[in-house]
């Protein structure tokens, strides 16, 4: 009998052990990154964070950007009379003095500390460089006074915010980029420069028992490779933070190639939980399946966790429909194997009557396809939010080169499509329009779902979502005509024809008709009375159709600039 019991115990132990392992969350780090400098919203977010399983924060962008500006932003600061030391700084863009900024940030940090949640400050190097360290417009990396100066800068920062858990270092989006030859003067190669700057901050933080997180965000494959070489030389207690994809937050770019390729270092993925990939802050946008795929990617590559950009621009961020992305992030970090339908239905039941939940979930589920295939054209980036660059031909014409997928994949199919997006044939044109037709159909299907849900909801409950999809329908209708006008114009540039001219004229007229829909004011410029810069786009298309030779010469110049300057218009 004893032998039987022993056998059963040995048999059952590994099963019970494996069940416990399966139940354990796959990720040790679940973070939110705050960009908004809005104290009431930040207070609410910090207080709600434990309900989402969040165990660290990053303060960045508008809430924490310029170290020197922050250090000057005491309670009695006067932006019109900055301290003497600030007057010697090279401060072209991000330097701001904001009274009470230090106190505000420490207040939010204290709330996080009370919840047992560590917080990190996002720093940029090189930013706010004193002019004495510039030589011929570049940072002199070998000036003997540079690193001692940086050391006292960060010692002052740690004294001002002693409870921070550490820093997130980003080398891009800085005044002077250590990996660009035009920004830094040094005999060192690029990987060594990245290594030197990163090791400096690592060692400084280690003396204070704090953590460094290095962000490997770059626009070009060569820059990513330089960072990879530097990472291999750096201490293994540095955490690497990588975007979900290469380049920008884009649902169709390839994965960041450094996922799971950083040696023994811990690594986390940074994902946007706001509307970076959407048409606008308005309009329904549940990127639930995308979040699921990123969580699966992180688990597959054995990463330590993820951090989501927790955007708070809406009046009531935790009641707004966009909260669905924070919810989905928390669910998939606990279990990436959950289905999108389960997560969305569970979310809908928390906000709407149970009988309405399946219809709400169905409507919101379509919003990922609507935004991703509405804003992107055959998976390529042309403009940001709906209409924001429609009056900027240089921007949207150069995007396929600047945001090339082929440069990352070296896939001939990507190269062929990129060529066709500049020189579309009839088949490519049909695909582009068909994609927008499907987006319109998906919006209308979601609106039909909401009509079904209305049987169980009050008008007040459903009104925000109904408005969300009205916005999306207007955007989808306009975007379809933008596509027709722009790409028919491209076909006319290659081979003038009456058919292409008629399509351009028809599309522009329809855009203007949609623009004047009674009662619709999305994207309205109060100064011009026009929406989404449609007047600028229309003027550009008419000029190009009437001046083909000059337009082609202009195209050649723009593309030359885009190929010469890294990420045209962003550098």
Protein backbone atom coordinates (compact mmCIF):
# COMPACT_ATOMS: atom_id res chain seq x y z
CA UNK A 1 0.00 0.00 0.00
CA UNK A 2 2.84 2.37 0.90
CA UNK A 3 4.43 1.70 -2.49
CA UNK A 4 1.17 2.55 -4.25
CA UNK A 5 0.86 5.82 -2.32
CA UNK A 6 4.48 6.72 -3.05
CA UNK A 7 3.96 5.97 -6.73
CA UNK A 8 0.87 8.18 -6.83
CA UNK A 9 2.72 11.01 -5.06
CA UNK A 10 5.59 10.88 -7.54
CA UNK A 11 3.15 10.76 -10.42
CA UNK A 12 1.08 13.70 -9.24
CA UNK A 13 3.90 16.04 -8.16
CA UNK A 14 5.17 17.01 -11.59
CA UNK A 15 1.60 17.49 -12.82
CA UNK A 16 0.79 19.86 -9.97
CA UNK A 17 4.12 21.65 -10.45
CA UNK A 18 3.49 22.13 -14.17
CA UNK A 19 0.02 23.49 -13.47
CA UNK A 20 1.44 26.09 -11.12
CA UNK A 21 4.05 27.03 -13.71
CA UNK A 22 1.36 27.34 -16.38
CA UNK A 23 -0.69 29.60 -14.12
CA UNK A 24 2.24 31.92 -13.40
CA UNK A 25 2.25 35.17 -15.44
CA UNK A 26 4.79 34.91 -18.26
CA UNK A 27 6.22 38.42 -17.72
CA UNK A 28 7.95 39.90 -14.68
CA UNK A 29 7.68 43.51 -15.92
CA UNK A 30 4.35 45.15 -16.78
CA UNK A 31 4.79 48.89 -17.23
CA UNK A 32 3.00 52.06 -18.19
CA UNK A 33 4.76 54.99 -19.81
CA UNK A 34 3.25 58.41 -19.11
CA UNK A 35 3.61 61.26 -21.64
CA UNK A 36 0.92 63.68 -20.51
CA UNK A 37 1.67 66.47 -18.04
CA UNK A 38 -1.81 66.44 -16.53
CA UNK A 39 -1.65 65.98 -12.77
CA UNK A 40 -5.30 64.97 -12.09
CA UNK A 41 -5.17 62.37 -14.87
CA UNK A 42 -1.78 61.10 -13.71
CA UNK A 43 -3.09 60.80 -10.15
CA UNK A 44 -6.00 58.71 -11.38
CA UNK A 45 -3.74 56.55 -13.56
CA UNK A 46 -1.33 55.82 -10.71
CA UNK A 47 -4.19 54.93 -8.39
CA UNK A 48 -5.74 52.61 -10.96
CA UNK A 49 -2.49 50.99 -12.12
CA UNK A 50 -2.50 48.10 -9.58
CA UNK A 51 -5.86 46.94 -10.99
CA UNK A 52 -4.08 46.42 -14.32
CA UNK A 53 -1.12 44.56 -12.83
CA UNK A 54 1.27 47.44 -13.52
CA UNK A 55 4.54 47.20 -11.58
CA UNK A 56 6.65 50.06 -12.99
CA UNK A 57 6.23 53.46 -14.64
CA UNK A 58 8.28 55.54 -17.07
CA UNK A 59 7.88 59.34 -17.01
CA UNK A 60 8.65 60.80 -20.44
CA UNK A 61 7.82 63.22 -23.24
CA UNK A 62 5.68 66.13 -21.99
CA UNK A 63 5.86 64.97 -18.38
CA UNK A 64 9.65 64.62 -18.36
CA UNK A 65 11.86 65.65 -21.25
CA UNK A 66 14.64 68.22 -20.84
CA UNK A 67 16.83 67.49 -17.81
CA UNK A 68 18.21 71.02 -17.67
CA UNK A 69 14.78 72.55 -18.12
CA UNK A 70 13.47 70.34 -15.32
CA UNK A 71 16.34 71.31 -13.02
CA UNK A 72 15.50 74.98 -13.60
CA UNK A 73 11.80 74.39 -12.91
CA UNK A 74 11.60 74.96 -9.18
CA UNK A 75 8.50 76.33 -7.47
CA UNK A 76 9.79 79.89 -7.73
CA UNK A 77 11.11 79.57 -11.30
CA UNK A 78 10.55 82.47 -13.68
CA UNK A 79 10.61 81.33 -17.33
CA UNK A 80 11.34 84.89 -18.44
CA UNK A 81 14.42 85.06 -16.24
CA UNK A 82 16.20 81.72 -16.46
CA UNK A 83 19.20 81.02 -14.25
CA UNK A 84 22.57 82.17 -15.60
CA UNK A 85 23.81 78.64 -16.23
CA UNK A 86 20.86 77.94 -18.54
CA UNK A 87 21.80 80.78 -20.87
CA UNK A 88 24.87 78.89 -22.12
CA UNK A 89 22.89 75.84 -23.20
CA UNK A 90 22.19 74.84 -26.78
CA UNK A 91 18.40 74.55 -26.41
CA UNK A 92 16.74 74.50 -29.83
CA UNK A 93 13.48 72.70 -29.09
CA UNK A 94 12.73 70.85 -25.88
CA UNK A 95 14.12 73.11 -23.17
CA UNK A 96 11.30 74.62 -21.12
CA UNK A 97 11.12 76.14 -17.67
CA UNK A 98 7.80 75.33 -15.97
CA UNK A 99 7.21 76.56 -12.41
CA UNK A 100 6.38 73.68 -10.00
CA UNK A 101 7.46 71.03 -12.52
CA UNK A 102 9.83 69.39 -10.04
CA UNK A 103 7.20 69.40 -7.30
CA UNK A 104 4.55 68.01 -9.64
CA UNK A 105 6.75 65.14 -10.77
CA UNK A 106 7.83 64.29 -7.22
CA UNK A 107 4.15 64.31 -6.20
CA UNK A 108 3.27 61.71 -8.83
CA UNK A 109 6.42 59.79 -7.91
CA UNK A 110 5.36 59.78 -4.26
CA UNK A 111 1.95 58.38 -5.22
CA UNK A 112 3.70 55.64 -7.20
CA UNK A 113 6.01 54.91 -4.28
CA UNK A 114 3.02 54.61 -1.94
CA UNK A 115 1.63 51.97 -4.31
CA UNK A 116 4.97 50.14 -4.33
CA UNK A 117 5.51 50.96 -8.01
CA UNK A 118 9.00 52.14 -9.08
CA UNK A 119 9.30 54.87 -11.68
CA UNK A 120 12.00 55.74 -14.22
CA UNK A 121 12.91 59.06 -15.86
CA UNK A 122 13.42 59.07 -19.63
CA UNK A 123 16.55 61.02 -20.58
CA UNK A 124 17.98 62.03 -23.96
CA UNK A 125 21.63 62.42 -24.83
CA UNK A 126 22.87 64.63 -26.14
CA UNK A 127 20.35 67.32 -25.16
CA UNK A 128 20.82 70.78 -23.66
CA UNK A 129 24.56 70.76 -24.33
CA UNK A 130 26.48 73.85 -23.16
CA UNK A 131 27.84 75.76 -26.14
CA UNK A 132 31.41 75.40 -24.85
CA UNK A 133 31.28 71.68 -25.75
CA UNK A 134 30.35 72.34 -29.37
CA UNK A 135 32.98 72.39 -32.08
CA UNK A 136 31.91 73.36 -35.59
CA UNK A 137 28.29 72.71 -34.65
CA UNK A 138 28.99 69.24 -33.25
CA UNK A 139 29.34 67.88 -29.73
CA UNK A 140 33.04 67.32 -29.06
CA UNK A 141 32.85 63.90 -27.43
CA UNK A 142 36.49 64.08 -26.41
CA UNK A 143 36.37 67.46 -24.69
CA UNK A 144 37.83 66.65 -21.24
CA UNK A 145 35.09 68.67 -19.54
CA UNK A 146 32.08 67.01 -21.22
CA UNK A 147 31.58 63.90 -19.11
CA UNK A 148 32.36 65.66 -15.79
CA UNK A 149 29.69 68.18 -16.76
CA UNK A 150 27.20 65.38 -17.52
CA UNK A 151 28.06 63.74 -14.23
CA UNK A 152 27.15 66.82 -12.22
CA UNK A 153 23.98 67.22 -14.35
CA UNK A 154 22.74 63.78 -13.39
CA UNK A 155 23.87 64.06 -9.80
CA UNK A 156 21.70 67.17 -9.59
CA UNK A 157 18.82 65.27 -11.16
CA UNK A 158 19.13 62.41 -8.67
CA UNK A 159 19.25 64.93 -5.84
CA UNK A 160 16.08 66.57 -7.18
CA UNK A 161 14.29 63.22 -7.64
CA UNK A 162 16.01 60.85 -5.18
CA UNK A 163 13.28 58.20 -5.29
CA UNK A 164 13.46 57.47 -9.00
CA UNK A 165 14.34 53.85 -9.76
CA UNK A 166 16.69 54.93 -12.55
CA UNK A 167 16.77 56.25 -16.10
CA UNK A 168 15.65 55.21 -19.55
CA UNK A 169 18.30 56.40 -22.02
CA UNK A 170 17.32 57.15 -25.59
CA UNK A 171 19.88 58.31 -28.11
CA UNK A 172 17.43 59.29 -30.83
CA UNK A 173 15.12 62.30 -30.82
CA UNK A 174 17.94 64.26 -29.20
CA UNK A 175 19.50 67.60 -30.12
CA UNK A 176 22.73 65.83 -31.05
CA UNK A 177 22.66 62.14 -31.95
CA UNK A 178 25.74 60.23 -30.89
CA UNK A 179 25.31 57.81 -33.80
CA UNK A 180 25.24 60.52 -36.49
CA UNK A 181 28.48 61.82 -37.95
CA UNK A 182 26.95 65.24 -38.49
CA UNK A 183 26.13 65.64 -34.79
CA UNK A 184 29.19 64.40 -32.91
CA UNK A 185 32.92 64.91 -33.31
CA UNK A 186 35.03 61.90 -32.22
CA UNK A 187 37.62 59.51 -33.67
CA UNK A 188 35.62 56.63 -32.13
CA UNK A 189 33.40 54.50 -34.31
CA UNK A 190 29.63 54.64 -33.71
CA UNK A 191 29.33 51.49 -31.55
CA UNK A 192 32.10 52.79 -29.28
CA UNK A 193 30.35 56.17 -28.93
CA UNK A 194 27.08 54.47 -27.96
CA UNK A 195 29.02 52.27 -25.54
CA UNK A 196 30.77 55.23 -23.89
CA UNK A 197 27.63 57.29 -23.30
CA UNK A 198 25.62 54.31 -22.07
CA UNK A 199 28.36 53.01 -19.79
CA UNK A 200 28.77 56.46 -18.27
CA UNK A 201 25.11 56.56 -17.19
CA UNK A 202 25.17 52.91 -16.11
CA UNK A 203 28.12 53.46 -13.81
CA UNK A 204 26.70 56.68 -12.37
CA UNK A 205 23.38 55.00 -11.58
CA UNK A 206 25.04 51.92 -10.16
CA UNK A 207 26.80 54.08 -7.57
CA UNK A 208 23.31 55.04 -6.40
CA UNK A 209 21.91 51.47 -6.62
CA UNK A 210 19.66 52.46 -9.50
CA UNK A 211 18.81 50.83 -12.83
CA UNK A 212 19.60 51.86 -16.41
CA UNK A 213 17.27 50.94 -19.26
CA UNK A 214 18.70 51.49 -22.77
CA UNK A 215 16.23 52.13 -25.59
CA UNK A 216 17.35 50.87 -28.99
CA UNK A 217 15.15 53.03 -31.21
CA UNK A 218 16.60 53.88 -34.63
CA UNK A 219 15.33 54.70 -38.11
CA UNK A 220 18.00 52.92 -40.12
CA UNK A 221 19.26 49.29 -40.18
CA UNK A 222 22.90 50.41 -39.90
CA UNK A 223 22.07 52.38 -36.74
CA UNK A 224 20.36 49.35 -35.23
CA UNK A 225 23.45 47.27 -35.98
CA UNK A 226 25.71 49.84 -34.32
CA UNK A 227 23.55 49.65 -31.20
CA UNK A 228 23.64 45.85 -31.25
CA UNK A 229 27.44 45.92 -31.29
CA UNK A 230 27.48 48.35 -28.38
CA UNK A 231 25.00 46.26 -26.39
CA UNK A 232 27.24 43.21 -26.70
CA UNK A 233 30.01 45.13 -24.88
CA UNK A 234 27.84 46.65 -22.16
CA UNK A 235 27.25 45.17 -18.67
CA UNK A 236 24.53 42.55 -18.50
CA UNK A 237 22.59 44.29 -15.72
CA UNK A 238 21.37 46.92 -18.21
CA UNK A 239 17.80 46.37 -19.39
CA UNK A 240 17.16 46.82 -23.13
CA UNK A 241 13.91 48.46 -24.20
CA UNK A 242 12.93 47.80 -27.82
CA UNK A 243 9.96 48.98 -29.80
CA UNK A 244 7.59 46.35 -31.11
CA UNK A 245 8.60 47.09 -34.70
CA UNK A 246 11.46 48.76 -36.51
CA UNK A 247 11.39 52.48 -37.15
CA UNK A 248 8.09 53.95 -35.88
CA UNK A 249 5.01 52.41 -34.29
CA UNK A 250 3.52 50.90 -37.43
CA UNK A 251 1.31 47.79 -37.55
CA UNK A 252 2.88 46.48 -40.76
CA UNK A 253 6.59 47.04 -40.19
CA UNK A 254 8.78 44.01 -39.43
CA UNK A 255 9.50 43.17 -35.80
CA UNK A 256 12.46 44.84 -34.15
CA UNK A 257 15.34 42.49 -35.07
CA UNK A 258 16.90 42.77 -31.59
CA UNK A 259 14.01 41.02 -29.86
CA UNK A 260 15.67 38.16 -27.97
CA UNK A 261 19.09 39.04 -29.41
CA UNK A 262 20.72 40.98 -26.58
CA UNK A 263 22.72 38.24 -24.89
CA UNK A 264 22.03 37.71 -21.20
CA UNK A 265 20.44 41.11 -20.67
CA UNK A 266 16.82 41.50 -19.70
CA UNK A 267 14.66 43.01 -22.41
CA UNK A 268 11.25 44.63 -22.59
CA UNK A 269 9.09 45.65 -25.55
CA UNK A 270 7.69 49.17 -25.78
CA UNK A 271 4.24 49.28 -27.39
CA UNK A 272 1.88 52.19 -27.91
CA UNK A 273 -1.48 51.76 -26.18
CA UNK A 274 -2.80 55.08 -27.42
CA UNK A 275 -3.49 56.12 -30.99
CA UNK A 276 -0.04 56.22 -32.65
CA UNK A 277 -1.32 53.68 -35.18
CA UNK A 278 -4.85 55.11 -35.46
CA UNK A 279 -6.41 57.81 -37.60
CA UNK A 280 -6.77 60.19 -34.70
CA UNK A 281 -7.43 60.47 -30.96
CA UNK A 282 -11.08 60.48 -31.95
CA UNK A 283 -12.82 57.40 -33.23
CA UNK A 284 -13.01 53.89 -31.79
CA UNK A 285 -9.69 52.08 -31.76
CA UNK A 286 -9.21 48.73 -30.07
CA UNK A 287 -5.87 47.30 -31.17
CA UNK A 288 -6.63 44.10 -29.29
CA UNK A 289 -5.30 41.57 -31.76
CA UNK A 290 -2.14 43.61 -32.28
CA UNK A 291 -1.47 43.71 -28.53
CA UNK A 292 -2.02 39.95 -28.39
CA UNK A 293 0.51 39.35 -31.17
CA UNK A 294 3.11 41.57 -29.48
CA UNK A 295 2.65 39.69 -26.19
CA UNK A 296 3.05 36.38 -28.02
CA UNK A 297 6.20 37.71 -29.70
CA UNK A 298 7.64 38.75 -26.32
CA UNK A 299 6.94 35.35 -24.82
CA UNK A 300 8.34 33.53 -27.85
CA UNK A 301 11.59 35.52 -27.58
CA UNK A 302 11.86 34.97 -23.83
CA UNK A 303 11.60 38.66 -22.92
CA UNK A 304 11.19 39.99 -19.40
CA UNK A 305 8.10 42.07 -20.05
CA UNK A 306 6.47 44.97 -21.84
CA UNK A 307 5.80 48.65 -21.26
CA UNK A 308 2.79 50.33 -22.82
CA UNK A 309 2.50 53.99 -23.68
CA UNK A 310 -0.51 54.84 -21.53
CA UNK A 311 -1.90 57.93 -23.23
CA UNK A 312 -4.33 60.14 -21.30
CA UNK A 313 -5.59 62.82 -23.74
CA UNK A 314 -9.29 62.07 -23.35
CA UNK A 315 -11.52 63.90 -20.88
CA UNK A 316 -12.04 60.73 -18.84
CA UNK A 317 -9.34 58.27 -19.95
CA UNK A 318 -10.60 55.36 -17.86
CA UNK A 319 -14.20 55.76 -19.01
CA UNK A 320 -13.35 56.46 -22.66
CA UNK A 321 -13.58 53.56 -25.12
CA UNK A 322 -9.81 53.76 -25.68
CA UNK A 323 -9.37 52.26 -22.19
CA UNK A 324 -9.97 48.94 -23.94
CA UNK A 325 -6.28 48.92 -24.93
CA UNK A 326 -5.08 49.30 -21.33
CA UNK A 327 -7.44 46.50 -20.38
CA UNK A 328 -6.33 44.22 -23.21
CA UNK A 329 -2.67 44.89 -22.39
CA UNK A 330 -3.20 43.77 -18.80
CA UNK A 331 -5.08 40.63 -19.84
CA UNK A 332 -2.61 39.50 -22.49
CA UNK A 333 0.39 40.11 -20.23
CA UNK A 334 -1.16 37.63 -17.84
CA UNK A 335 -2.11 35.19 -20.59
CA UNK A 336 -1.18 35.79 -24.25
CA UNK A 337 -3.19 32.73 -25.27
CA UNK A 338 -6.54 34.38 -24.57
CA UNK A 339 -8.70 35.04 -27.61
CA UNK A 340 -9.46 38.55 -28.80
CA UNK A 341 -13.18 37.77 -28.60
CA UNK A 342 -12.91 36.73 -24.94
CA UNK A 343 -11.00 39.86 -23.95
CA UNK A 344 -13.29 42.24 -25.81
CA UNK A 345 -16.46 40.59 -24.54
CA UNK A 346 -15.17 40.69 -20.97
CA UNK A 347 -14.30 44.36 -21.42
CA UNK A 348 -17.72 45.16 -22.89
CA UNK A 349 -19.50 43.48 -19.97
CA UNK A 350 -17.72 45.85 -17.59
CA UNK A 351 -19.10 48.92 -19.38
CA UNK A 352 -22.41 47.88 -20.96
CA UNK A 353 -25.38 45.60 -20.21
CA UNK A 354 -24.52 41.92 -20.67
CA UNK A 355 -27.05 41.52 -23.48
CA UNK A 356 -25.33 44.31 -25.45
CA UNK A 357 -21.78 43.07 -24.83
CA UNK A 358 -21.49 40.71 -27.84
CA UNK A 359 -22.60 43.47 -30.23
CA UNK A 360 -20.31 46.06 -28.63
CA UNK A 361 -17.37 43.64 -28.77
CA UNK A 362 -18.06 42.88 -32.43
CA UNK A 363 -18.24 46.58 -33.34
CA UNK A 364 -15.10 47.53 -31.44
CA UNK A 365 -13.18 44.51 -32.76
CA UNK A 366 -13.47 45.85 -36.31
CA UNK A 367 -11.87 49.17 -35.32
CA UNK A 368 -8.36 47.70 -35.55
CA UNK A 369 -8.82 46.78 -39.21
CA UNK A 370 -10.61 50.09 -39.87
CA UNK A 371 -7.77 52.22 -38.49
CA UNK A 372 -4.85 50.15 -39.74
CA UNK A 373 -6.16 49.71 -43.28
CA UNK A 374 -7.72 53.15 -43.36
CA UNK A 375 -4.62 55.09 -42.37
CA UNK A 376 -2.11 52.81 -44.13
CA UNK A 377 -2.29 52.12 -47.84
CA UNK A 378 -1.42 48.55 -48.78
CA UNK A 379 0.42 48.54 -45.43
CA UNK A 380 2.48 51.69 -46.12
CA UNK A 381 2.64 55.00 -44.24
CA UNK A 382 1.81 58.19 -46.17
CA UNK A 383 0.37 60.55 -43.54
CA UNK A 384 -0.12 60.67 -39.78
CA UNK A 385 -3.53 61.51 -38.34
CA UNK A 386 -6.33 61.92 -40.86
CA UNK A 387 -5.72 65.03 -42.92
CA UNK A 388 -2.77 66.39 -40.95
CA UNK A 389 -0.34 66.32 -43.89
CA UNK A 390 -2.79 66.56 -46.77
CA UNK A 391 -1.46 70.02 -47.58
CA UNK A 392 2.17 68.84 -47.36
CA UNK A 393 3.01 67.08 -50.63
CA UNK A 394 6.70 66.80 -49.74
CA UNK A 395 5.78 64.76 -46.67
CA UNK A 396 3.39 62.20 -48.11
CA UNK A 397 5.24 61.83 -51.41
CA UNK A 398 8.52 61.03 -49.63
CA UNK A 399 7.09 58.60 -47.05
CA UNK A 400 7.51 55.37 -49.01
CA UNK A 401 11.23 56.06 -49.32
CA UNK A 402 11.63 57.43 -45.80
CA UNK A 403 9.56 54.65 -44.20
CA UNK A 404 10.72 51.89 -46.52
CA UNK A 405 10.03 48.34 -45.41
CA UNK A 406 12.39 46.89 -47.98
CA UNK A 407 15.43 48.43 -46.27
CA UNK A 408 14.67 46.19 -43.27
CA UNK A 409 13.43 43.03 -44.98
CA UNK A 410 15.40 43.00 -48.26
CA UNK A 411 12.35 41.19 -49.61
CA UNK A 412 11.98 41.71 -53.38
CA UNK A 413 8.19 41.79 -52.99
CA UNK A 414 8.49 44.83 -50.72
CA UNK A 415 10.76 46.57 -53.19
CA UNK A 416 8.33 45.85 -56.03
CA UNK A 417 5.37 47.23 -54.06
CA UNK A 418 7.29 50.36 -53.06
CA UNK A 419 8.01 50.99 -56.72
CA UNK A 420 4.33 50.52 -57.59
CA UNK A 421 3.28 52.98 -54.91
CA UNK A 422 5.21 55.59 -56.89
CA UNK A 423 4.26 54.21 -60.30
CA UNK A 424 0.93 52.42 -59.84
CA UNK A 425 -0.50 50.19 -62.53
CA UNK A 426 -4.24 49.59 -62.86
CA UNK A 427 -4.13 46.49 -60.65
CA UNK A 428 -2.37 48.37 -57.83
CA UNK A 429 -4.86 51.21 -58.16
CA UNK A 430 -7.79 48.78 -57.87
CA UNK A 431 -6.25 47.20 -54.74
CA UNK A 432 -5.78 50.59 -53.12
CA UNK A 433 -9.40 51.58 -53.71
CA UNK A 434 -10.74 48.14 -52.77
CA UNK A 435 -8.92 48.37 -49.44
CA UNK A 436 -10.73 51.61 -48.64
CA UNK A 437 -14.05 50.18 -49.80
CA UNK A 438 -13.60 47.36 -47.31
CA UNK A 439 -12.78 49.85 -44.56
CA UNK A 440 -16.04 51.69 -45.28
CA UNK A 441 -17.93 48.39 -45.22
CA UNK A 442 -16.38 47.49 -41.86
CA UNK A 443 -17.38 50.85 -40.35
CA UNK A 444 -20.96 50.37 -41.50
CA UNK A 445 -21.02 46.82 -40.15
CA UNK A 446 -19.91 48.16 -36.77
CA UNK A 447 -22.64 50.79 -36.90
CA UNK A 448 -25.14 47.98 -37.56
CA UNK A 449 -23.81 46.18 -34.48
CA UNK A 450 -24.38 49.31 -32.41
CA UNK A 451 -27.97 49.47 -33.61
CA UNK A 452 -28.42 45.95 -32.28
CA UNK A 453 -26.76 46.92 -28.99
CA UNK A 454 -29.13 49.90 -28.71
CA UNK A 455 -31.96 47.52 -27.79
CA UNK A 456 -30.22 46.95 -24.43
CA UNK A 457 -28.44 50.28 -23.79
CA UNK A 458 -29.59 53.73 -22.90
CA UNK A 459 -28.99 56.44 -25.46
CA UNK A 460 -26.48 58.00 -23.08
CA UNK A 461 -24.51 54.75 -22.75
CA UNK A 462 -24.17 54.26 -26.48
CA UNK A 463 -23.75 57.86 -27.64
CA UNK A 464 -19.91 58.03 -27.33
CA UNK A 465 -19.39 54.87 -29.42
CA UNK A 466 -21.91 56.01 -32.01
CA UNK A 467 -19.98 59.26 -32.32
CA UNK A 468 -16.70 57.32 -32.57
CA UNK A 469 -17.96 55.42 -35.60
CA UNK A 470 -19.50 58.52 -37.21
CA UNK A 471 -16.02 60.02 -37.11
CA UNK A 472 -14.53 56.85 -38.62
CA UNK A 473 -17.08 56.75 -41.42
CA UNK A 474 -16.35 60.36 -42.38
CA UNK A 475 -12.60 59.61 -42.31
CA UNK A 476 -13.03 56.46 -44.39
CA UNK A 477 -15.12 58.21 -47.05
CA UNK A 478 -12.64 61.07 -47.34
CA UNK A 479 -9.62 58.75 -47.36
CA UNK A 480 -11.09 56.72 -50.23
CA UNK A 481 -11.32 59.81 -52.41
CA UNK A 482 -7.86 60.97 -51.33
CA UNK A 483 -6.53 57.62 -52.53
CA UNK A 484 -8.34 57.89 -55.85
CA UNK A 485 -7.13 61.45 -56.47
CA UNK A 486 -3.52 60.92 -55.40
CA UNK A 487 -2.84 57.63 -57.16
CA UNK A 488 -4.72 58.57 -60.34
CA UNK A 489 -2.48 61.64 -60.37
CA UNK A 490 0.55 59.33 -60.07
CA UNK A 491 -0.72 57.31 -63.03
CA UNK A 492 -1.18 60.55 -64.99
CA UNK A 493 2.39 61.58 -64.20
CA UNK A 494 3.64 58.31 -65.72
CA UNK A 495 1.25 58.24 -68.66
CA UNK A 496 -1.17 61.12 -69.24
CA UNK A 497 -4.67 59.96 -70.09
CA UNK A 498 -8.19 61.32 -70.07
CA UNK A 499 -9.25 58.45 -67.82
CA UNK A 500 -6.75 59.36 -65.09
CA UNK A 501 -7.66 63.02 -65.35
CA UNK A 502 -11.36 62.20 -64.97
CA UNK A 503 -10.69 60.08 -61.87
CA UNK A 504 -8.67 62.88 -60.26
CA UNK A 505 -11.37 65.46 -60.98
CA UNK A 506 -14.15 63.17 -59.77
CA UNK A 507 -12.32 62.26 -56.56
CA UNK A 508 -11.54 65.87 -55.69
CA UNK A 509 -15.17 66.90 -56.26
CA UNK A 510 -16.36 64.06 -54.02
CA UNK A 511 -13.88 65.02 -51.33
CA UNK A 512 -15.26 68.54 -51.33
CA UNK A 513 -18.84 67.24 -51.25
CA UNK A 514 -18.07 65.02 -48.24
CA UNK A 515 -16.19 67.90 -46.63
CA UNK A 516 -19.38 70.00 -46.76
CA UNK A 517 -21.63 67.38 -45.16
CA UNK A 518 -24.07 69.44 -43.03
CA UNK A 519 -23.24 69.41 -39.34
CA UNK A 520 -19.90 67.60 -39.74
CA UNK A 521 -16.95 69.62 -38.44
CA UNK A 522 -14.17 67.06 -37.92
CA UNK A 523 -10.82 68.60 -38.82
CA UNK A 524 -12.30 72.07 -39.28
CA UNK A 525 -9.87 74.97 -39.49
CA UNK A 526 -11.77 77.94 -38.04
CA UNK A 527 -9.55 80.36 -39.95
CA UNK A 528 -10.31 78.93 -43.38
CA UNK A 529 -13.61 77.18 -42.79
CA UNK A 530 -12.15 74.11 -44.50
CA UNK A 531 -11.62 70.62 -43.13
CA UNK A 532 -8.42 68.54 -43.00
CA UNK A 533 -6.48 70.87 -45.36
CA UNK A 534 -8.52 69.51 -48.25
CA UNK A 535 -8.21 72.87 -49.95
CA UNK A 536 -4.41 72.56 -49.92
CA UNK A 537 -4.53 69.01 -51.28
CA UNK A 538 -6.97 69.98 -54.03
CA UNK A 539 -4.82 72.94 -55.06
CA UNK A 540 -1.71 70.72 -55.20
CA UNK A 541 -3.41 68.06 -57.36
CA UNK A 542 -4.81 70.62 -59.80
CA UNK A 543 -1.40 72.30 -60.12
CA UNK A 544 0.34 68.99 -60.78
CA UNK A 545 -2.17 67.92 -63.40
CA UNK A 546 -1.76 71.27 -65.17
CA UNK A 547 2.06 71.40 -64.89
CA UNK A 548 3.22 67.84 -65.44
CA UNK A 549 6.83 68.58 -66.46
CA UNK A 550 7.47 70.86 -63.50
CA UNK A 551 5.70 68.40 -61.20
CA UNK A 552 7.95 65.55 -62.33
CA UNK A 553 11.04 67.67 -61.73
CA UNK A 554 9.73 68.48 -58.26
CA UNK A 555 9.15 64.75 -57.61
CA UNK A 556 12.74 63.95 -58.55
CA UNK A 557 14.06 66.60 -56.16
CA UNK A 558 11.91 65.41 -53.26
CA UNK A 559 12.96 61.79 -53.71
CA UNK A 560 16.61 62.76 -53.97
CA UNK A 561 16.31 64.63 -50.69
CA UNK A 562 14.49 61.70 -49.10
CA UNK A 563 17.23 59.30 -50.12
CA UNK A 564 20.01 61.67 -49.05
CA UNK A 565 18.69 62.83 -45.69
CA UNK A 566 17.81 60.16 -43.17
CA UNK A 567 14.05 60.18 -42.70
CA UNK A 568 13.22 63.29 -44.70
CA UNK A 569 11.45 65.93 -42.69
CA UNK A 570 12.16 64.31 -39.30
CA UNK A 571 15.86 64.80 -38.81
